[in-house]
Amino acid sequence: MPLSDADDAALVAWLDSHGVSQACPCCGKTKWQGDFVAAIPHISGSSFHVGGQTIAPLVLFVCANCAYARFFAAMPMNLPSLRPAP
C-alpha cells in the first residue's frame, strides 16, 4: 500500500522524534525509495501460503544506492491510513 502525503508526514515526524538516522547502515547514503506499507508472509517449516498469517504491517524503505532494505513496524507510527475507521 503506497503512503499518502499525510502518512509521509506522520512517518517523517515519528522517525525524527525517535532519532532514526536517515543514513543507510550499509553505504551511508541518504536517498531512500519505495516507502510503502507491506506485509511479510509467515512461513512455517517448508510451507508458504499466500493469504495466510503475516507479520504486518511494516513500512519498507529501500536504499536507492545499494538496495539495502529496512523495515519498521507501522502500527506504533500511528499512520493515518492505518487508523481504524470511526
PDB file of N, CA and C in Angstrom:
ATOM      1  N   MET A   1       0.844  -1.163   0.000  1.00  0.00           N
ATOM      2  CA  MET A   1       0.000   0.000   0.000  1.00  0.00           C
ATOM      3  C   MET A   1       0.897   1.236   0.000  1.00  0.00           C
ATOM      4  N   PRO A   2       0.779   2.091  -1.019  1.00  0.00           N
ATOM      5  CA  PRO A   2       1.560   3.324  -1.030  1.00  0.00           C
ATOM      6  C   PRO A   2       1.136   4.241   0.117  1.00  0.00           C
ATOM      7  N   LEU A   3       2.049   5.079   0.545  1.00  0.00           N
ATOM      8  CA  LEU A   3       1.750   6.005   1.628  1.00  0.00           C
ATOM      9  C   LEU A   3       1.178   7.308   1.073  1.00  0.00           C
ATOM     10  N   SER A   4       0.187   7.840   1.761  1.00  0.00           N
ATOM     11  CA  SER A   4      -0.393   9.133   1.389  1.00  0.00           C
ATOM     12  C   SER A   4       0.528  10.251   1.877  1.00  0.00           C
ATOM     13  N   ASP A   5       0.230  11.482   1.478  1.00  0.00           N
ATOM     14  CA  ASP A   5       1.004  12.626   1.959  1.00  0.00           C
ATOM     15  C   ASP A   5       0.904  12.735   3.478  1.00  0.00           C
ATOM     16  N   ALA A   6      -0.283  12.469   4.038  1.00  0.00           N
ATOM     17  CA  ALA A   6      -0.462  12.512   5.496  1.00  0.00           C
ATOM     18  C   ALA A   6       0.355  11.412   6.173  1.00  0.00           C
ATOM     19  N   ASP A   7       0.400  10.233   5.559  1.00  0.00           N
ATOM     20  CA  ASP A   7       1.215   9.138   6.089  1.00  0.00           C
ATOM     21  C   ASP A   7       2.694   9.515   6.070  1.00  0.00           C
ATOM     22  N   ASP A   8       3.142  10.090   4.949  1.00  0.00           N
ATOM     23  CA  ASP A   8       4.548  10.510   4.835  1.00  0.00           C
ATOM     24  C   ASP A   8       4.920  11.500   5.936  1.00  0.00           C
ATOM     25  N   ALA A   9       4.034  12.469   6.180  1.00  0.00           N
ATOM     26  CA  ALA A   9       4.306  13.471   7.215  1.00  0.00           C
ATOM     27  C   ALA A   9       4.385  12.818   8.591  1.00  0.00           C
ATOM     28  N   ALA A  10       3.455  11.902   8.888  1.00  0.00           N
ATOM     29  CA  ALA A  10       3.463  11.199  10.178  1.00  0.00           C
ATOM     30  C   ALA A  10       4.700  10.318  10.306  1.00  0.00           C
ATOM     31  N   LEU A  11       5.094   9.680   9.227  1.00  0.00           N
ATOM     32  CA  LEU A  11       6.267   8.811   9.224  1.00  0.00           C
ATOM     33  C   LEU A  11       7.541   9.607   9.498  1.00  0.00           C
ATOM     34  N   VAL A  12       7.716  10.715   8.803  1.00  0.00           N
ATOM     35  CA  VAL A  12       8.904  11.547   8.996  1.00  0.00           C
ATOM     36  C   VAL A  12       8.942  12.079  10.429  1.00  0.00           C
ATOM     37  N   ALA A  13       7.793  12.526  10.935  1.00  0.00           N
ATOM     38  CA  ALA A  13       7.736  13.043  12.307  1.00  0.00           C
ATOM     39  C   ALA A  13       8.100  11.953  13.305  1.00  0.00           C
ATOM     40  N   TRP A  14       7.598  10.735  13.087  1.00  0.00           N
ATOM     41  CA  TRP A  14       7.877   9.625  14.010  1.00  0.00           C
ATOM     42  C   TRP A  14       9.367   9.268  13.974  1.00  0.00           C
ATOM     43  N   LEU A  15       9.931   9.139  12.777  1.00  0.00           N
ATOM     44  CA  LEU A  15      11.347   8.794  12.650  1.00  0.00           C
ATOM     45  C   LEU A  15      12.227   9.858  13.302  1.00  0.00           C
ATOM     46  N   ASP A  16      11.915  11.138  13.048  1.00  0.00           N
ATOM     47  CA  ASP A  16      12.694  12.235  13.645  1.00  0.00           C
ATOM     48  C   ASP A  16      12.587  12.235  15.166  1.00  0.00           C
ATOM     49  N   SER A  17      11.371  12.020  15.684  1.00  0.00           N
ATOM     50  CA  SER A  17      11.174  12.063  17.136  1.00  0.00           C
ATOM     51  C   SER A  17      11.829  10.885  17.853  1.00  0.00           C
ATOM     52  N   HIS A  18      12.163   9.843  17.104  1.00  0.00           N
ATOM     53  CA  HIS A  18      12.816   8.675  17.687  1.00  0.00           C
ATOM     54  C   HIS A  18      14.300   8.600  17.338  1.00  0.00           C
ATOM     55  N   GLY A  19      14.834   9.663  16.742  1.00  0.00           N
ATOM     56  CA  GLY A  19      16.266   9.730  16.456  1.00  0.00           C
ATOM     57  C   GLY A  19      16.754   8.738  15.419  1.00  0.00           C
ATOM     58  N   VAL A  20      15.890   8.340  14.488  1.00  0.00           N
ATOM     59  CA  VAL A  20      16.280   7.371  13.461  1.00  0.00           C
ATOM     60  C   VAL A  20      17.132   8.079  12.406  1.00  0.00           C
ATOM     61  N   SER A  21      18.310   7.563  12.160  1.00  0.00           N
ATOM     62  CA  SER A  21      19.223   8.131  11.175  1.00  0.00           C
ATOM     63  C   SER A  21      18.679   7.935   9.765  1.00  0.00           C
ATOM     64  N   GLN A  22      18.865   8.955   8.942  1.00  0.00           N
ATOM     65  CA  GLN A  22      18.472   8.863   7.532  1.00  0.00           C
ATOM     66  C   GLN A  22      19.520   8.114   6.713  1.00  0.00           C
ATOM     67  N   ALA A  23      20.712   7.905   7.278  1.00  0.00           N
ATOM     68  CA  ALA A  23      21.802   7.260   6.546  1.00  0.00           C
ATOM     69  C   ALA A  23      21.605   5.746   6.476  1.00  0.00           C
ATOM     70  N   CYS A  24      21.887   5.188   5.327  1.00  0.00           N
ATOM     71  CA  CYS A  24      21.842   3.732   5.153  1.00  0.00           C
ATOM     72  C   CYS A  24      22.961   3.109   5.991  1.00  0.00           C
ATOM     73  N   PRO A  25      22.670   2.063   6.762  1.00  0.00           N
ATOM     74  CA  PRO A  25      23.712   1.442   7.574  1.00  0.00           C
ATOM     75  C   PRO A  25      24.764   0.689   6.753  1.00  0.00           C
ATOM     76  N   CYS A  26      24.489   0.438   5.485  1.00  0.00           N
ATOM     77  CA  CYS A  26      25.459  -0.285   4.651  1.00  0.00           C
ATOM     78  C   CYS A  26      26.381   0.640   3.866  1.00  0.00           C
ATOM     79  N   CYS A  27      25.809   1.669   3.225  1.00  0.00           N
ATOM     80  CA  CYS A  27      26.626   2.513   2.351  1.00  0.00           C
ATOM     81  C   CYS A  27      26.718   3.965   2.810  1.00  0.00           C
ATOM     82  N   GLY A  28      25.877   4.371   3.756  1.00  0.00           N
ATOM     83  CA  GLY A  28      25.919   5.731   4.275  1.00  0.00           C
ATOM     84  C   GLY A  28      25.144   6.762   3.478  1.00  0.00           C
ATOM     85  N   LYS A  29      24.594   6.369   2.336  1.00  0.00           N
ATOM     86  CA  LYS A  29      23.810   7.311   1.525  1.00  0.00           C
ATOM     87  C   LYS A  29      22.483   7.607   2.227  1.00  0.00           C
ATOM     88  N   THR A  30      21.823   8.682   1.819  1.00  0.00           N
ATOM     89  CA  THR A  30      20.576   9.082   2.492  1.00  0.00           C
ATOM     90  C   THR A  30      19.374   9.153   1.566  1.00  0.00           C
ATOM     91  N   LYS A  31      19.473   8.569   0.392  1.00  0.00           N
ATOM     92  CA  LYS A  31      18.342   8.559  -0.534  1.00  0.00           C
ATOM     93  C   LYS A  31      17.652   7.200  -0.466  1.00  0.00           C
ATOM     94  N   TRP A  32      16.369   7.237  -0.093  1.00  0.00           N
ATOM     95  CA  TRP A  32      15.567   6.023   0.045  1.00  0.00           C
ATOM     96  C   TRP A  32      14.436   6.062  -0.964  1.00  0.00           C
ATOM     97  N   GLN A  33      13.984   4.898  -1.365  1.00  0.00           N
ATOM     98  CA  GLN A  33      12.848   4.795  -2.280  1.00  0.00           C
ATOM     99  C   GLN A  33      11.899   3.716  -1.782  1.00  0.00           C
ATOM    100  N   GLY A  34      10.692   3.746  -2.298  1.00  0.00           N
ATOM    101  CA  GLY A  34       9.740   2.674  -2.024  1.00  0.00           C
ATOM    102  C   GLY A  34       9.137   2.682  -0.641  1.00  0.00           C
ATOM    103  N   ASP A  35       8.929   3.859  -0.040  1.00  0.00           N
ATOM    104  CA  ASP A  35       8.320   3.846   1.285  1.00  0.00           C
ATOM    105  C   ASP A  35       6.835   3.517   1.146  1.00  0.00           C
ATOM    106  N   PHE A  36       6.501   2.315   1.515  1.00  0.00           N
ATOM    107  CA  PHE A  36       5.115   1.860   1.485  1.00  0.00           C
ATOM    108  C   PHE A  36       4.912   0.827   2.574  1.00  0.00           C
ATOM    109  N   VAL A  37       3.652   0.542   2.854  1.00  0.00           N
ATOM    110  CA  VAL A  37       3.313  -0.444   3.878  1.00  0.00           C
ATOM    111  C   VAL A  37       3.208  -1.809   3.216  1.00  0.00           C
ATOM    112  N   ALA A  38       3.844  -2.796   3.826  1.00  0.00           N
ATOM    113  CA  ALA A  38       3.874  -4.147   3.277  1.00  0.00           C
ATOM    114  C   ALA A  38       3.594  -5.162   4.374  1.00  0.00           C
ATOM    115  N   ALA A  39       3.342  -6.379   3.970  1.00  0.00           N
ATOM    116  CA  ALA A  39       3.179  -7.497   4.888  1.00  0.00           C
ATOM    117  C   ALA A  39       4.118  -8.607   4.440  1.00  0.00           C
ATOM    118  N   ILE A  40       4.762  -9.241   5.381  1.00  0.00           N
ATOM    119  CA  ILE A  40       5.661 -10.347   5.079  1.00  0.00           C
ATOM    120  C   ILE A  40       4.954 -11.646   5.459  1.00  0.00           C
ATOM    121  N   PRO A  41       4.846 -12.579   4.531  1.00  0.00           N
ATOM    122  CA  PRO A  41       4.195 -13.841   4.866  1.00  0.00           C
ATOM    123  C   PRO A  41       4.950 -14.583   5.968  1.00  0.00           C
ATOM    124  N   HIS A  42       4.209 -15.199   6.838  1.00  0.00           N
ATOM    125  CA  HIS A  42       4.802 -16.029   7.893  1.00  0.00           C
ATOM    126  C   HIS A  42       4.973 -17.420   7.314  1.00  0.00           C
ATOM    127  N   ILE A  43       6.201 -17.906   7.294  1.00  0.00           N
ATOM    128  CA  ILE A  43       6.483 -19.226   6.729  1.00  0.00           C
ATOM    129  C   ILE A  43       6.781 -20.183   7.870  1.00  0.00           C
ATOM    130  N   SER A  44       6.078 -21.291   7.884  1.00  0.00           N
ATOM    131  CA  SER A  44       6.251 -22.293   8.922  1.00  0.00           C
ATOM    132  C   SER A  44       6.823 -23.555   8.292  1.00  0.00           C
ATOM    133  N   GLY A  45       8.030 -23.896   8.690  1.00  0.00           N
ATOM    134  CA  GLY A  45       8.670 -25.070   8.098  1.00  0.00           C
ATOM    135  C   GLY A  45       8.891 -24.837   6.617  1.00  0.00           C
ATOM    136  N   SER A  46       8.420 -25.748   5.800  1.00  0.00           N
ATOM    137  CA  SER A  46       8.558 -25.601   4.352  1.00  0.00           C
ATOM    138  C   SER A  46       7.274 -25.109   3.707  1.00  0.00           C
ATOM    139  N   SER A  47       6.291 -24.709   4.532  1.00  0.00           N
ATOM    140  CA  SER A  47       5.004 -24.267   3.992  1.00  0.00           C
ATOM    141  C   SER A  47       4.974 -22.763   3.769  1.00  0.00           C
ATOM    142  N   PHE A  48       4.445 -22.387   2.620  1.00  0.00           N
ATOM    143  CA  PHE A  48       4.257 -20.979   2.278  1.00  0.00           C
ATOM    144  C   PHE A  48       2.855 -20.843   1.727  1.00  0.00           C
ATOM    145  N   HIS A  49       2.027 -20.079   2.410  1.00  0.00           N
ATOM    146  CA  HIS A  49       0.636 -19.948   1.997  1.00  0.00           C
ATOM    147  C   HIS A  49       0.300 -18.493   1.730  1.00  0.00           C
ATOM    148  N   VAL A  50      -0.016 -18.186   0.476  1.00  0.00           N
ATOM    149  CA  VAL A  50      -0.436 -16.836   0.134  1.00  0.00           C
ATOM    150  C   VAL A  50      -1.778 -16.580   0.794  1.00  0.00           C
ATOM    151  N   GLY A  51      -1.887 -15.429   1.449  1.00  0.00           N
ATOM    152  CA  GLY A  51      -3.126 -15.095   2.137  1.00  0.00           C
ATOM    153  C   GLY A  51      -3.185 -15.646   3.542  1.00  0.00           C
ATOM    154  N   GLY A  52      -2.126 -16.276   3.987  1.00  0.00           N
ATOM    155  CA  GLY A  52      -2.086 -16.833   5.335  1.00  0.00           C
ATOM    156  C   GLY A  52      -1.623 -15.805   6.343  1.00  0.00           C
ATOM    157  N   GLN A  53      -1.141 -16.264   7.464  1.00  0.00           N
ATOM    158  CA  GLN A  53      -0.668 -15.405   8.535  1.00  0.00           C
ATOM    159  C   GLN A  53       0.479 -14.533   8.033  1.00  0.00           C
ATOM    160  N   THR A  54       0.476 -13.262   8.461  1.00  0.00           N
ATOM    161  CA  THR A  54       1.539 -12.355   8.053  1.00  0.00           C
ATOM    162  C   THR A  54       2.134 -11.647   9.264  1.00  0.00           C
ATOM    163  N   ILE A  55       3.312 -11.109   9.048  1.00  0.00           N
ATOM    164  CA  ILE A  55       3.960 -10.231  10.012  1.00  0.00           C
ATOM    165  C   ILE A  55       3.734  -8.842   9.429  1.00  0.00           C
ATOM    166  N   ALA A  56       2.783  -8.114   9.993  1.00  0.00           N
ATOM    167  CA  ALA A  56       2.383  -6.879   9.325  1.00  0.00           C
ATOM    168  C   ALA A  56       1.700  -5.937  10.273  1.00  0.00           C
ATOM    169  N   PRO A  57       1.455  -4.757   9.871  1.00  0.00           N
ATOM    170  CA  PRO A  57       2.022  -4.101   8.701  1.00  0.00           C
ATOM    171  C   PRO A  57       3.392  -3.524   9.007  1.00  0.00           C
ATOM    172  N   LEU A  58       4.194  -3.432   7.976  1.00  0.00           N
ATOM    173  CA  LEU A  58       5.550  -2.896   8.088  1.00  0.00           C
ATOM    174  C   LEU A  58       5.744  -1.803   7.053  1.00  0.00           C
ATOM    175  N   VAL A  59       6.497  -0.763   7.409  1.00  0.00           N
ATOM    176  CA  VAL A  59       6.877   0.252   6.444  1.00  0.00           C
ATOM    177  C   VAL A  59       8.229  -0.162   5.885  1.00  0.00           C
ATOM    178  N   LEU A  60       8.325  -0.211   4.568  1.00  0.00           N
ATOM    179  CA  LEU A  60       9.533  -0.660   3.874  1.00  0.00           C
ATOM    180  C   LEU A  60      10.225   0.521   3.211  1.00  0.00           C
ATOM    181  N   PHE A  61      11.543   0.601   3.399  1.00  0.00           N
ATOM    182  CA  PHE A  61      12.396   1.565   2.702  1.00  0.00           C
ATOM    183  C   PHE A  61      13.494   0.771   2.013  1.00  0.00           C
ATOM    184  N   VAL A  62      13.874   1.180   0.802  1.00  0.00           N
ATOM    185  CA  VAL A  62      14.968   0.544   0.076  1.00  0.00           C
ATOM    186  C   VAL A  62      15.973   1.629  -0.295  1.00  0.00           C
ATOM    187  N   CYS A  63      17.232   1.401   0.038  1.00  0.00           N
ATOM    188  CA  CYS A  63      18.286   2.365  -0.297  1.00  0.00           C
ATOM    189  C   CYS A  63      18.408   2.468  -1.821  1.00  0.00           C
ATOM    190  N   ALA A  64      18.367   3.711  -2.322  1.00  0.00           N
ATOM    191  CA  ALA A  64      18.461   3.938  -3.765  1.00  0.00           C
ATOM    192  C   ALA A  64      19.856   3.642  -4.304  1.00  0.00           C
ATOM    193  N   ASN A  65      20.861   3.539  -3.431  1.00  0.00           N
ATOM    194  CA  ASN A  65      22.227   3.271  -3.868  1.00  0.00           C
ATOM    195  C   ASN A  65      22.570   1.781  -3.837  1.00  0.00           C
ATOM    196  N   CYS A  66      22.410   1.137  -2.676  1.00  0.00           N
ATOM    197  CA  CYS A  66      22.892  -0.240  -2.527  1.00  0.00           C
ATOM    198  C   CYS A  66      21.774  -1.285  -2.402  1.00  0.00           C
ATOM    199  N   ALA A  67      20.529  -0.849  -2.384  1.00  0.00           N
ATOM    200  CA  ALA A  67      19.355  -1.725  -2.318  1.00  0.00           C
ATOM    201  C   ALA A  67      19.147  -2.379  -0.956  1.00  0.00           C
ATOM    202  N   TYR A  68      19.826  -1.885   0.076  1.00  0.00           N
ATOM    203  CA  TYR A  68      19.568  -2.373   1.432  1.00  0.00           C
ATOM    204  C   TYR A  68      18.109  -2.079   1.767  1.00  0.00           C
ATOM    205  N   ALA A  69      17.410  -3.045   2.342  1.00  0.00           N
ATOM    206  CA  ALA A  69      16.010  -2.857   2.728  1.00  0.00           C
ATOM    207  C   ALA A  69      15.902  -2.814   4.245  1.00  0.00           C
ATOM    208  N   ARG A  70      15.124  -1.862   4.737  1.00  0.00           N
ATOM    209  CA  ARG A  70      14.871  -1.805   6.172  1.00  0.00           C
ATOM    210  C   ARG A  70      13.374  -1.657   6.394  1.00  0.00           C
ATOM    211  N   PHE A  71      12.925  -2.269   7.491  1.00  0.00           N
ATOM    212  CA  PHE A  71      11.514  -2.299   7.832  1.00  0.00           C
ATOM    213  C   PHE A  71      11.308  -1.689   9.212  1.00  0.00           C
ATOM    214  N   PHE A  72      10.170  -1.025   9.375  1.00  0.00           N
ATOM    215  CA  PHE A  72       9.741  -0.516  10.675  1.00  0.00           C
ATOM    216  C   PHE A  72       8.299  -0.956  10.891  1.00  0.00           C
ATOM    217  N   ALA A  73       7.964  -1.308  12.111  1.00  0.00           N
ATOM    218  CA  ALA A  73       6.581  -1.647  12.438  1.00  0.00           C
ATOM    219  C   ALA A  73       5.719  -0.408  12.238  1.00  0.00           C
ATOM    220  N   ALA A  74       4.671  -0.523  11.455  1.00  0.00           N
ATOM    221  CA  ALA A  74       3.845   0.630  11.097  1.00  0.00           C
ATOM    222  C   ALA A  74       2.876   1.051  12.195  1.00  0.00           C
ATOM    223  N   MET A  75       2.371   0.126  12.961  1.00  0.00           N
ATOM    224  CA  MET A  75       1.323   0.470  13.930  1.00  0.00           C
ATOM    225  C   MET A  75       1.791   1.469  14.984  1.00  0.00           C
ATOM    226  N   PRO A  76       2.983   1.362  15.554  1.00  0.00           N
ATOM    227  CA  PRO A  76       3.406   2.368  16.540  1.00  0.00           C
ATOM    228  C   PRO A  76       3.539   3.767  15.957  1.00  0.00           C
ATOM    229  N   MET A  77       3.668   3.867  14.630  1.00  0.00           N
ATOM    230  CA  MET A  77       3.807   5.169  13.982  1.00  0.00           C
ATOM    231  C   MET A  77       2.481   5.906  13.867  1.00  0.00           C
ATOM    232  N   ASN A  78       1.377   5.205  14.076  1.00  0.00           N
ATOM    233  CA  ASN A  78       0.037   5.808  14.025  1.00  0.00           C
ATOM    234  C   ASN A  78      -0.212   6.508  12.686  1.00  0.00           C
ATOM    235  N   LEU A  79       0.103   5.835  11.596  1.00  0.00           N
ATOM    236  CA  LEU A  79      -0.109   6.399  10.273  1.00  0.00           C
ATOM    237  C   LEU A  79      -1.605   6.580  10.017  1.00  0.00           C
ATOM    238  N   PRO A  80      -2.007   7.725   9.474  1.00  0.00           N
ATOM    239  CA  PRO A  80      -3.437   7.990   9.267  1.00  0.00           C
ATOM    240  C   PRO A  80      -4.175   6.912   8.491  1.00  0.00           C
ATOM    241  N   SER A  81      -3.580   6.354   7.455  1.00  0.00           N
ATOM    242  CA  SER A  81      -4.283   5.357   6.644  1.00  0.00           C
ATOM    243  C   SER A  81      -4.474   4.018   7.355  1.00  0.00           C
ATOM    244  N   LEU A  82      -3.769   3.809   8.481  1.00  0.00           N
ATOM    245  CA  LEU A  82      -3.900   2.552   9.218  1.00  0.00           C
ATOM    246  C   LEU A  82      -4.795   2.686  10.451  1.00  0.00           C
ATOM    247  N   ARG A  83      -5.281   3.892  10.707  1.00  0.00           N
ATOM    248  CA  ARG A  83      -6.164   4.093  11.863  1.00  0.00           C
ATOM    249  C   ARG A  83      -7.521   3.468  11.580  1.00  0.00           C
ATOM    250  N   PRO A  84      -8.138   2.891  12.607  1.00  0.00           N
ATOM    251  CA  PRO A  84      -9.473   2.310  12.402  1.00  0.00           C
ATOM    252  C   PRO A  84     -10.475   3.393  12.006  1.00  0.00           C
ATOM    253  N   ALA A  85     -11.388   3.019  11.151  1.00  0.00           N
ATOM    254  CA  ALA A  85     -12.448   3.950  10.753  1.00  0.00           C
ATOM    255  C   ALA A  85     -13.372   4.217  11.935  1.00  0.00           C
ATOM    256  N   PRO A  86     -13.833   5.475  12.079  1.00  0.00           N
ATOM    257  CA  PRO A  86     -14.709   5.798  13.214  1.00  0.00           C
ATOM    258  C   PRO A  86     -16.077   5.158  13.075  1.00  0.00           C
TER     259      PRO A  86
END
